Amino acid sequence: MFNSPYINQFNQQQSLERINAQINDLERLKSQLQQPQQQPTNLTQNFQLAPTNRDVIKYANSLDEVQRDMVIGETPYFSKDMSVVWIKNTKGEIKTYELNEIIPKDAKDMQIEMLQAQIDELKKGMKKNEQFNSNVNAEQTTTDTEWNDEEDGTTTKDEKSSSIQRVSTSKKGK
């Protein structure tokens, strides 16, 4: 069974195909070596040394924390309660700012503020007027009035105070 002429022919044919495949591979390699070799392209690789996202909010509890931290560009540091902001630059210089909340006001709020300012101004005017009146009271000028008494022919002299007194008309305890 193993000495069959068909099997020997089959084995020979397999060997020939395998040899031909190897020859084809070698010829392909030879043609690649004969062609001018292409220079490999230069690879450029970028390394990111610094973070590009600088718009990061940093928080700090005190100025000491800001001083200890190293920065690459101008960096804002906010206090936890958002009342203070420190801006540190690359030289290590720190500027401190105080933050206040701005509450938008409508027309009614602005009118209330205007009226309160007017009330305060009027109160100041009243205080100045009271001071002026109290100065007059302290000096108290007197007026001498003389007249002739017709019955007995004598002259009578009368002294009256001409001081100005202010009476408060404000309503307290509303």
Protein backbone atom coordinates (compact mmCIF):
# COMPACT_ATOMS: atom_id res chain seq x y z
CA MET A 1 0.00 0.00 0.00
CA PHE A 2 2.84 2.38 0.79
CA ASN A 3 4.68 1.42 -2.38
CA SER A 4 1.89 2.57 -4.62
CA PRO A 5 3.03 4.64 -7.62
CA TYR A 6 0.18 7.13 -7.06
CA ILE A 7 1.29 8.01 -3.52
CA ASN A 8 4.92 8.50 -4.59
CA GLN A 9 3.77 10.81 -7.34
CA PHE A 10 1.60 12.71 -4.90
CA ASN A 11 4.53 13.16 -2.45
CA GLN A 12 6.81 14.31 -5.25
CA GLN A 13 4.22 16.82 -6.42
CA GLN A 14 3.85 18.23 -2.88
CA SER A 15 7.60 18.55 -2.60
CA LEU A 16 7.80 20.38 -5.92
CA GLU A 17 5.05 22.82 -4.92
CA ARG A 18 6.76 23.51 -1.62
CA ILE A 19 10.13 24.13 -3.38
CA ASN A 20 8.48 26.40 -5.96
CA ALA A 21 6.84 28.40 -3.16
CA GLN A 22 10.19 28.84 -1.45
CA ILE A 23 11.79 29.93 -4.75
CA ASN A 24 9.02 32.52 -5.23
CA ASP A 25 9.59 33.86 -1.70
CA LEU A 26 13.33 34.15 -2.31
CA GLU A 27 12.82 35.95 -5.65
CA ARG A 28 10.42 38.39 -3.95
CA LEU A 29 13.03 39.13 -1.25
CA LYS A 30 15.70 39.57 -3.96
CA SER A 31 13.56 42.10 -5.84
CA GLN A 32 12.93 44.04 -2.64
CA LEU A 33 16.67 44.26 -1.96
CA GLN A 34 17.41 45.41 -5.51
CA GLN A 35 14.87 48.26 -5.34
CA PRO A 36 16.18 51.50 -3.86
CA GLN A 37 15.34 51.49 -0.22
CA GLN A 38 13.04 54.24 0.97
CA GLN A 39 14.29 56.38 3.78
CA PRO A 40 12.12 55.95 6.84
CA THR A 41 10.06 59.03 7.59
CA ASN A 42 11.19 61.09 10.52
CA LEU A 43 8.99 60.51 13.48
CA THR A 44 8.14 63.60 15.42
CA GLN A 45 6.77 63.16 18.86
CA ASN A 46 5.46 66.00 20.94
CA PHE A 47 5.80 65.87 24.67
CA GLN A 48 3.45 67.94 26.73
CA LEU A 49 5.48 69.23 29.64
CA ALA A 50 2.99 71.78 30.92
CA PRO A 51 -0.74 71.44 31.29
CA THR A 52 -2.64 73.32 28.60
CA ASN A 53 -5.74 73.75 30.69
CA ARG A 54 -4.81 76.85 32.70
CA ASP A 55 -8.41 77.80 33.42
CA VAL A 56 -8.49 75.69 36.55
CA ILE A 57 -9.76 77.17 39.77
CA LYS A 58 -7.55 76.39 42.72
CA TYR A 59 -8.65 76.70 46.31
CA ALA A 60 -6.48 77.67 49.27
CA ASN A 61 -7.13 78.19 52.96
CA SER A 62 -4.44 80.82 53.47
CA LEU A 63 -1.78 82.90 51.80
CA ASP A 64 0.85 80.40 53.02
CA GLU A 65 -0.64 77.67 50.84
CA VAL A 66 -0.50 79.97 47.81
CA GLN A 67 3.15 80.83 48.52
CA ARG A 68 4.14 77.15 48.75
CA ASP A 69 2.53 76.15 45.43
CA MET A 70 4.54 76.39 42.19
CA VAL A 71 2.75 77.83 39.15
CA ILE A 72 3.42 77.81 35.42
CA GLY A 73 1.39 80.89 34.51
CA GLU A 74 -0.84 83.39 36.28
CA THR A 75 -3.00 81.27 38.54
CA PRO A 76 -5.97 82.38 40.65
CA TYR A 77 -6.51 80.87 44.10
CA PHE A 78 -9.86 81.32 45.81
CA SER A 79 -10.58 81.04 49.51
CA LYS A 80 -13.10 78.38 50.48
CA ASP A 81 -15.77 80.99 51.26
CA MET A 82 -15.04 82.83 47.96
CA SER A 83 -14.36 86.13 49.75
CA VAL A 84 -10.66 86.45 48.83
CA VAL A 85 -8.75 85.72 45.62
CA TRP A 86 -4.97 85.52 45.32
CA ILE A 87 -3.35 85.73 41.87
CA LYS A 88 0.16 84.29 41.70
CA ASN A 89 2.47 84.73 38.70
CA THR A 90 5.55 82.77 37.64
CA LYS A 91 7.88 85.16 39.48
CA GLY A 92 6.18 84.26 42.76
CA GLU A 93 4.49 87.66 43.14
CA ILE A 94 1.04 87.43 44.73
CA LYS A 95 -1.77 89.99 44.46
CA THR A 96 -4.67 89.79 46.89
CA TYR A 97 -8.21 90.91 46.08
CA GLU A 98 -11.41 90.95 48.12
CA LEU A 99 -14.54 89.63 46.43
CA ASN A 100 -18.04 90.96 47.07
CA GLU A 101 -21.23 89.49 45.68
CA ILE A 102 -23.13 91.76 43.32
CA ILE A 103 -26.86 91.32 43.67
CA PRO A 104 -28.83 92.51 40.64
CA LYS A 105 -31.41 95.19 41.48
CA ASP A 106 -34.71 95.86 39.81
CA ALA A 107 -36.45 99.25 39.55
CA LYS A 108 -38.20 98.91 42.93
CA ASP A 109 -34.96 98.13 44.76
CA MET A 110 -33.27 101.15 43.20
CA GLN A 111 -36.21 103.39 44.16
CA ILE A 112 -36.08 102.10 47.76
CA GLU A 113 -32.35 102.88 47.95
CA MET A 114 -32.93 106.37 46.54
CA LEU A 115 -35.67 107.07 49.09
CA GLN A 116 -33.52 105.77 51.95
CA ALA A 117 -30.69 108.06 50.84
CA GLN A 118 -33.09 111.01 50.84
CA ILE A 119 -34.30 110.11 54.34
CA ASP A 120 -30.70 109.93 55.59
CA GLU A 121 -29.97 113.31 54.01
CA LEU A 122 -33.03 114.86 55.67
CA LYS A 123 -32.00 113.39 59.05
CA LYS A 124 -28.55 114.98 58.66
CA GLY A 125 -30.22 118.30 57.85
CA MET A 126 -32.41 118.04 60.94
CA LYS A 127 -29.38 117.33 63.14
CA LYS A 128 -27.59 120.40 61.76
CA ASN A 129 -30.72 122.49 62.40
CA GLU A 130 -30.95 121.19 65.98
CA GLN A 131 -27.32 122.12 66.60
CA PHE A 132 -27.95 125.62 65.27
CA ASN A 133 -31.02 126.03 67.49
CA SER A 134 -29.23 124.73 70.56
CA ASN A 135 -26.49 127.35 70.04
CA VAL A 136 -29.10 130.11 70.04
CA ASN A 137 -30.61 128.78 73.29
CA ALA A 138 -27.23 128.77 74.97
CA GLU A 139 -26.56 132.40 74.18
CA GLN A 140 -30.10 133.62 75.07
CA THR A 141 -30.36 137.19 74.12
CA THR A 142 -32.56 139.48 76.21
CA THR A 143 -34.61 142.41 75.08
CA ASP A 144 -35.18 145.41 77.24
CA THR A 145 -38.56 147.03 76.94
CA GLU A 146 -39.29 150.40 78.54
CA TRP A 147 -42.59 152.19 78.88
CA ASN A 148 -44.01 155.08 80.78
CA ASP A 149 -46.63 154.46 83.40
CA GLU A 150 -49.16 157.24 82.97
CA GLU A 151 -50.80 156.91 86.35
CA ASP A 152 -47.83 157.67 88.52
CA GLY A 153 -45.35 159.02 85.87
CA THR A 154 -42.63 156.40 86.42
CA THR A 155 -40.72 154.40 83.83
CA THR A 156 -40.98 150.61 84.02
CA LYS A 157 -38.35 148.26 82.56
CA ASP A 158 -39.20 144.65 81.47
CA GLU A 159 -36.66 141.98 80.47
CA LYS A 160 -37.88 139.17 78.21
CA SER A 161 -35.93 136.28 76.71
CA SER A 162 -35.98 136.10 72.93
CA SER A 163 -34.55 132.56 72.65
CA ILE A 164 -35.90 130.18 70.05
CA GLN A 165 -36.98 126.79 71.23
CA ARG A 166 -37.61 123.77 69.02
CA VAL A 167 -40.46 121.42 69.73
CA SER A 168 -40.08 117.93 68.28
CA THR A 169 -43.01 116.79 66.18
CA SER A 170 -41.71 113.34 65.32
CA LYS A 171 -43.86 110.38 66.18
CA LYS A 172 -41.97 107.84 68.25
CA GLY A 173 -43.28 104.41 69.18
CA LYS A 174 -45.28 103.69 66.07
